[in-house]
Structures are given as structure tokens and as C-alpha cells.
Amino acid sequence: AYVWFIWRGDIDPTETVEFTNNVESWGLTKNKTYPKPITFPDGRHYQSMRIEGRFFNSFSLKRFPLESHTLTLKIEDNTYAADKLVYRFDRRHSGLDSGLDITGWSVASWSGAEGNHHYATNLGDETVGSDSSDYSTINFEIKITRPVHFFIWKMLLPVLIILLACWTALLLNPSELASRAAMTGTALLTTVFMQQGYTSKLPELNYLVLLDKIYVIVYILILISLAQVVIQGAMDKKHALDDYRRAKFLDKLSVAIQAVVFVISLFVINATTH
């Protein structure tokens, strides 16, 4: 990022600026454009710097993989309180480079705002005149979103294929217990492995993400299909299925109901997960 300062007075803000969400201070580079601040004809001083480093934000993954995140650069003075130094955000000249590209994400928008960081202590500085202190801050934010096609083609499509394979088993003759059970059982195991595949890339979470909730619905539907296969297979072994036409009708009805439930669940989960 490039950060610049224009100011009046004797305080040089470039000497005391701090990037508060930087996680590796030793790796943060701040290269000034000019050896000394330049002075405009009206008496104001100017200095800019190029910064590079790693920064931290706390992200919510509840809507993974349809989530959006805000990348924030937090700037604060580490020496002078707000009664001595105040930041103002330069909206006119700020923005994003046209060549900015974040692989796997879409840059939605950016924003910037100034404010104050209130500390409930004066940090031991008795010259402040109170038991608390305020420091001027600037937050520059970039909002990024994950493209919907990433979810559709890489996350949802494999799940749909598994469900279709599972439902295909219900369209076989009820007497073909081995084939029907193998197809539904394989669908269940494949779903387990697929879920482990994406959860291994996520940090430890104490809540279900959006994709987890979809997989819960998929597990339920596959287990219903598996139970239906086993029950009908057991009845066939006992010669309790005298009318295969009725059994086939129930299988087709089950497939139709499950498909509707799955589609409705997708909309409900997406609408209620924030």
C-alpha cells in the first residue's frame, strides 16, 4: 500500500504512525518517498511511504463458501493523542489499483473512514490530564467476495452427482438389493470423504458453516434412501413384496420428495445463515 501525509505544524506524523493490525512488526517495511518531507507553497508538509507487511483480521466463516470478507488496514498514531494530532482520510485521492487481482476472490468495493480509538487508561502519562486517552485512527477497508460459480462448480455439483447416484439406486428393481445397497452406501462414504476434504482446509470452528449445513441435509437424504433400500430388501427376502409396482411407485415418490426437500433446504440455509 501507499500511504501519504499532508500536515501543518512541527509534528511529523510519519515518524509515529503505527499500523495496529500488523502481525509481524519485524517484517513490516515502510519506505519513505523523500528523504525529508517536502513543503508546499502554502506551508503544508508532504511525505508518502510504501508499506508492505502481513496484517490480521478476524473473519467469520459461517457462510463458507459464499462468504464475503473485509480486509482492513488500521492506522493509528502511537505517540500523540487526538488533542495533538488528528487524522483525516483523503477520499479524493485514495482508491485501489486497477490491476489489483486476488486469486479466487472478487473485489467488491473499498471505503475509508477516520475515527478515535478510546483507551480507558492514560498509559501512565500524567500530562494527559485524565485517566483515559483517545488516539486518532484511519481504517482503509476492501470488501472481497467469493464468486458464486466457485460454489456451484466446485462444491455443489459434486454433491448433486452423489445425490443423483443415490437416487438412481431407488429407481432399480427392489429385488436388486445388493446393487441398491452398494450405490447408497458408496454415496454415503463418498460424502464423508468430500466433507473431510474441505474441512481440512478450514481452521477449527465451534459452529457449522453454510456448507456443513448442506452436508447435514445430504446425509439425512442418503440415510433415508439407505433405510428405504434395506427395508424393501428385507421385505423382498421375506416375500412380503407381492406388488413390485407399488414399491417402485414409492421409490419414485421418495426421489421426487427428496429432490424438492433438497432444493428448498438450499434456499432456506442460504437465507438464514449470516
Protein backbone atom coordinates (compact mmCIF):
# COMPACT_ATOMS: atom_id res chain seq x y z
CA ALA A 1 0.00 0.00 0.00
CA TYR A 2 0.98 3.61 -0.48
CA VAL A 3 0.17 5.98 2.39
CA TRP A 4 0.72 9.73 2.35
CA PHE A 5 0.54 12.51 4.90
CA ILE A 6 -0.09 16.22 4.47
CA TRP A 7 0.17 18.31 7.64
CA ARG A 8 0.94 21.61 9.27
CA GLY A 9 2.99 22.19 12.38
CA ASP A 10 6.12 20.72 13.85
CA ILE A 11 4.86 17.15 14.45
CA ASP A 12 5.91 14.77 11.66
CA PRO A 13 3.21 12.05 11.65
CA THR A 14 5.32 9.70 9.54
CA GLU A 15 7.67 9.20 12.48
CA THR A 16 4.99 7.99 14.88
CA VAL A 17 2.45 6.27 12.61
CA GLU A 18 1.56 2.71 13.57
CA PHE A 19 -0.26 0.00 11.61
CA THR A 20 -2.08 -1.58 14.51
CA ASN A 21 -3.26 -4.81 12.84
CA ASN A 22 0.20 -5.68 11.59
CA VAL A 23 1.14 -9.16 12.87
CA GLU A 24 4.87 -9.15 12.20
CA SER A 25 6.43 -5.83 13.13
CA TRP A 26 9.88 -7.10 12.20
CA GLY A 27 8.63 -7.85 8.68
CA LEU A 28 6.84 -4.53 8.13
CA THR A 29 8.65 -2.26 5.68
CA LYS A 30 7.98 1.48 5.49
CA ASN A 31 9.96 3.09 2.71
CA LYS A 32 9.58 6.86 2.52
CA THR A 33 9.42 8.50 -0.89
CA TYR A 34 11.52 11.53 0.08
CA PRO A 35 14.49 11.66 2.47
CA LYS A 36 12.83 14.66 4.13
CA PRO A 37 9.25 15.95 3.92
CA ILE A 38 8.70 18.42 1.12
CA THR A 39 6.96 21.74 1.77
CA PHE A 40 4.11 23.08 -0.36
CA PRO A 41 3.90 26.80 -1.20
CA ASP A 42 1.11 27.23 1.37
CA GLY A 43 3.36 25.92 4.16
CA ARG A 44 1.96 22.41 4.41
CA HIS A 45 4.33 19.46 4.57
CA TYR A 46 4.07 16.28 2.49
CA GLN A 47 5.52 12.79 2.78
CA SER A 48 4.46 9.43 1.37
CA MET A 49 5.61 5.89 2.09
CA ARG A 50 5.29 2.47 0.58
CA ILE A 51 4.39 -0.18 3.14
CA GLU A 52 4.47 -3.94 2.87
CA GLY A 53 3.61 -6.47 5.54
CA ARG A 54 1.20 -9.05 6.90
CA PHE A 55 -1.99 -7.86 8.56
CA PHE A 56 -4.63 -9.55 10.69
CA ASN A 57 -8.42 -9.52 10.54
CA SER A 58 -10.88 -11.71 12.40
CA PHE A 59 -13.09 -13.38 9.78
CA SER A 60 -16.43 -15.13 10.15
CA LEU A 61 -16.67 -18.29 8.04
CA LYS A 62 -20.34 -19.01 8.73
CA ARG A 63 -21.26 -18.50 5.06
CA PHE A 64 -18.36 -20.54 3.63
CA PRO A 65 -18.05 -20.93 0.66
CA LEU A 66 -20.33 -17.97 -0.17
CA GLU A 67 -18.81 -15.61 2.37
CA SER A 68 -17.53 -12.09 1.95
CA HIS A 69 -14.73 -10.53 3.99
CA THR A 70 -13.44 -7.07 4.77
CA LEU A 71 -9.68 -6.59 4.58
CA THR A 72 -8.73 -3.69 6.84
CA LEU A 73 -5.61 -1.59 7.15
CA LYS A 74 -5.70 0.13 10.56
CA ILE A 75 -3.58 3.24 11.08
CA GLU A 76 -3.06 4.97 14.41
CA ASP A 77 -0.52 7.31 15.93
CA ASN A 78 1.43 5.67 18.74
CA THR A 79 2.64 8.82 20.46
CA TYR A 80 0.38 11.85 20.14
CA ALA A 81 -3.17 11.80 21.47
CA ALA A 82 -6.11 13.17 19.49
CA ASP A 83 -5.81 16.59 21.11
CA LYS A 84 -2.41 16.99 19.43
CA LEU A 85 -2.73 15.02 16.18
CA VAL A 86 -5.89 14.21 14.18
CA TYR A 87 -6.10 12.06 11.06
CA ARG A 88 -8.39 12.93 8.15
CA PHE A 89 -8.99 10.43 5.37
CA ASP A 90 -8.16 11.64 1.84
CA ARG A 91 -11.18 10.31 -0.06
CA ARG A 92 -10.43 12.27 -3.19
CA HIS A 93 -7.11 10.63 -3.97
CA SER A 94 -7.50 7.23 -2.32
CA GLY A 95 -8.55 4.04 -4.06
CA LEU A 96 -7.44 0.70 -5.45
CA ASP A 97 -5.05 -0.04 -8.26
CA SER A 98 -6.86 -1.10 -11.44
CA GLY A 99 -4.62 -4.14 -11.69
CA LEU A 100 -5.49 -5.48 -8.24
CA ASP A 101 -6.34 -9.17 -8.50
CA ILE A 102 -6.92 -11.57 -5.62
CA THR A 103 -7.00 -15.14 -6.90
CA GLY A 104 -10.28 -16.85 -6.08
CA TRP A 105 -11.98 -13.64 -4.96
CA SER A 106 -13.80 -10.67 -6.45
CA VAL A 107 -13.06 -7.18 -5.17
CA ALA A 108 -16.46 -5.66 -4.44
CA SER A 109 -15.72 -2.21 -3.02
CA TRP A 110 -13.45 -0.13 -0.82
CA SER A 111 -14.01 2.51 1.83
CA GLY A 112 -12.12 4.60 4.31
CA ALA A 113 -13.00 6.45 7.48
CA GLU A 114 -11.38 8.31 10.32
CA GLY A 115 -12.20 7.91 13.99
CA ASN A 116 -10.81 7.72 17.51
CA HIS A 117 -9.53 4.77 19.49
CA HIS A 118 -10.51 5.23 23.12
CA TYR A 119 -8.25 3.77 25.79
CA ALA A 120 -9.60 3.52 29.33
CA THR A 121 -6.16 4.49 30.60
CA ASN A 122 -3.73 7.33 30.10
CA LEU A 123 -0.94 4.75 29.75
CA GLY A 124 0.78 6.35 32.73
CA ASP A 125 1.17 9.72 31.02
CA GLU A 126 0.07 12.21 33.68
CA THR A 127 0.39 15.12 31.25
CA VAL A 128 -2.79 13.92 29.52
CA GLY A 129 -4.85 15.38 32.35
CA SER A 130 -7.31 12.49 32.63
CA ASP A 131 -7.38 8.78 33.35
CA SER A 132 -8.23 7.91 29.74
CA SER A 133 -6.90 8.88 26.32
CA ASP A 134 -8.02 8.98 22.69
CA TYR A 135 -5.86 8.46 19.62
CA SER A 136 -6.82 9.34 16.07
CA THR A 137 -7.26 6.43 13.65
CA ILE A 138 -7.84 5.68 9.98
CA ASN A 139 -9.39 2.46 8.67
CA PHE A 140 -9.00 1.61 4.99
CA GLU A 141 -11.21 -1.35 4.03
CA ILE A 142 -11.51 -3.57 0.98
CA LYS A 143 -14.54 -5.83 0.68
CA ILE A 144 -13.97 -9.09 -1.19
CA THR A 145 -16.47 -11.81 -2.09
CA ARG A 146 -16.06 -15.34 -3.32
CA PRO A 147 -17.55 -15.85 -6.82
CA VAL A 148 -20.79 -17.86 -6.87
CA HIS A 149 -19.52 -20.11 -9.66
CA PHE A 150 -16.81 -21.38 -7.27
CA PHE A 151 -19.58 -22.73 -5.01
CA ILE A 152 -21.68 -24.11 -7.86
CA TRP A 153 -18.99 -25.96 -9.80
CA LYS A 154 -16.56 -26.99 -7.07
CA MET A 155 -18.81 -27.51 -4.06
CA LEU A 156 -22.43 -28.02 -5.11
CA LEU A 157 -22.00 -30.02 -8.32
CA PRO A 158 -20.16 -32.96 -6.68
CA VAL A 159 -22.88 -33.13 -4.02
CA LEU A 160 -25.57 -33.19 -6.70
CA ILE A 161 -23.78 -36.02 -8.50
CA ILE A 162 -23.64 -38.05 -5.29
CA LEU A 163 -27.34 -37.48 -4.63
CA LEU A 164 -28.25 -38.42 -8.20
CA ALA A 165 -26.27 -41.65 -7.86
CA CYS A 166 -28.05 -42.34 -4.59
CA TRP A 167 -31.48 -41.64 -6.06
CA THR A 168 -30.68 -43.78 -9.10
CA ALA A 169 -30.41 -46.73 -6.74
CA LEU A 170 -34.04 -46.21 -5.75
CA LEU A 171 -35.07 -46.50 -9.40
CA LEU A 172 -33.70 -50.04 -9.63
CA ASN A 173 -35.92 -53.03 -9.04
CA PRO A 174 -36.45 -53.59 -5.28
CA SER A 175 -35.24 -57.17 -5.73
CA GLU A 176 -31.74 -55.92 -6.62
CA LEU A 177 -30.79 -55.38 -3.01
CA ALA A 178 -27.02 -55.75 -3.47
CA SER A 179 -26.78 -53.10 -6.21
CA ARG A 180 -29.13 -50.70 -4.46
CA ALA A 181 -27.33 -51.03 -1.12
CA ALA A 182 -23.90 -50.68 -2.75
CA MET A 183 -24.87 -47.46 -4.54
CA THR A 184 -26.39 -45.78 -1.49
CA GLY A 185 -23.59 -46.99 0.79
CA THR A 186 -20.95 -45.70 -1.62
CA ALA A 187 -22.75 -42.36 -1.80
CA LEU A 188 -22.64 -42.10 1.99
CA LEU A 189 -18.92 -42.88 2.20
CA THR A 190 -18.11 -40.50 -0.66
CA THR A 191 -19.98 -37.71 1.11
CA VAL A 192 -17.96 -38.30 4.28
CA PHE A 193 -14.65 -38.12 2.40
CA MET A 194 -15.72 -35.00 0.50
CA GLN A 195 -16.66 -33.21 3.70
CA GLN A 196 -13.33 -34.12 5.26
CA GLY A 197 -11.65 -32.69 2.17
CA TYR A 198 -12.91 -29.14 2.63
CA THR A 199 -12.98 -29.11 6.45
CA SER A 200 -9.25 -29.92 6.49
CA LYS A 201 -8.64 -26.54 4.81
CA LEU A 202 -10.63 -24.60 7.42
CA PRO A 203 -9.47 -23.59 10.91
CA GLU A 204 -11.00 -25.19 13.98
CA LEU A 205 -14.52 -23.73 14.32
CA ASN A 206 -17.14 -24.06 17.04
CA TYR A 207 -20.02 -23.55 14.62
CA LEU A 208 -21.35 -25.04 11.38
CA VAL A 209 -20.54 -23.21 8.16
CA LEU A 210 -23.08 -22.95 5.34
CA LEU A 211 -21.60 -25.93 3.50
CA ASP A 212 -21.72 -28.04 6.69
CA LYS A 213 -25.46 -27.44 6.91
CA ILE A 214 -25.90 -28.50 3.29
CA TYR A 215 -23.98 -31.69 4.01
CA VAL A 216 -26.22 -32.40 7.01
CA ILE A 217 -29.22 -32.36 4.66
CA VAL A 218 -27.35 -34.60 2.21
CA TYR A 219 -26.55 -37.09 4.99
CA ILE A 220 -30.19 -37.20 6.04
CA LEU A 221 -31.41 -37.80 2.47
CA ILE A 222 -28.85 -40.53 1.83
CA LEU A 223 -29.69 -42.25 5.12
CA ILE A 224 -33.39 -42.14 4.24
CA SER A 225 -32.61 -43.73 0.88
CA LEU A 226 -30.40 -46.35 2.52
CA ALA A 227 -33.10 -47.18 5.06
CA GLN A 228 -35.67 -47.49 2.29
CA VAL A 229 -33.39 -49.84 0.35
CA VAL A 230 -32.72 -52.02 3.39
CA ILE A 231 -36.38 -52.20 4.45
CA GLN A 232 -37.60 -53.08 0.97
CA GLY A 233 -34.78 -55.58 0.54
CA ALA A 234 -35.69 -57.27 3.83
CA MET A 235 -39.34 -57.39 2.84
CA ASP A 236 -38.39 -58.93 -0.51
CA LYS A 237 -36.34 -61.61 1.23
CA LYS A 238 -39.41 -62.47 3.30
CA HIS A 239 -41.56 -62.41 0.16
CA ALA A 240 -43.56 -59.56 1.66
CA LEU A 241 -43.33 -57.50 -1.53
CA ASP A 242 -46.12 -59.05 -3.52
CA ASP A 243 -46.67 -55.93 -5.60
CA TYR A 244 -43.44 -54.53 -7.08
CA ARG A 245 -45.37 -51.80 -8.87
CA ARG A 246 -46.33 -50.25 -5.55
CA ALA A 247 -42.76 -50.47 -4.30
CA LYS A 248 -41.47 -48.80 -7.46
CA PHE A 249 -44.06 -46.06 -7.10
CA LEU A 250 -42.94 -45.41 -3.52
CA ASP A 251 -39.31 -45.28 -4.69
CA LYS A 252 -40.10 -42.70 -7.37
CA LEU A 253 -42.19 -40.70 -4.93
CA SER A 254 -39.32 -40.74 -2.44
CA VAL A 255 -36.88 -39.47 -5.10
CA ALA A 256 -39.24 -36.63 -6.03
CA ILE A 257 -39.83 -35.62 -2.41
CA GLN A 258 -36.12 -35.74 -1.58
CA ALA A 259 -35.26 -33.60 -4.60
CA VAL A 260 -37.81 -30.97 -3.56
CA VAL A 261 -36.60 -31.05 0.05
CA PHE A 262 -33.00 -30.60 -1.06
CA VAL A 263 -33.79 -27.58 -3.27
CA ILE A 264 -35.91 -25.93 -0.57
CA SER A 265 -33.21 -26.61 2.03
CA LEU A 266 -30.62 -24.85 -0.14
CA PHE A 267 -32.70 -21.68 -0.26
CA VAL A 268 -33.56 -21.80 3.46
CA ILE A 269 -29.96 -22.43 4.56
CA ASN A 270 -28.65 -19.65 2.33
CA ALA A 271 -31.28 -17.20 3.59
CA THR A 272 -30.84 -17.97 7.29
CA THR A 273 -27.03 -18.29 7.51
CA HIS A 274 -25.41 -14.95 8.31
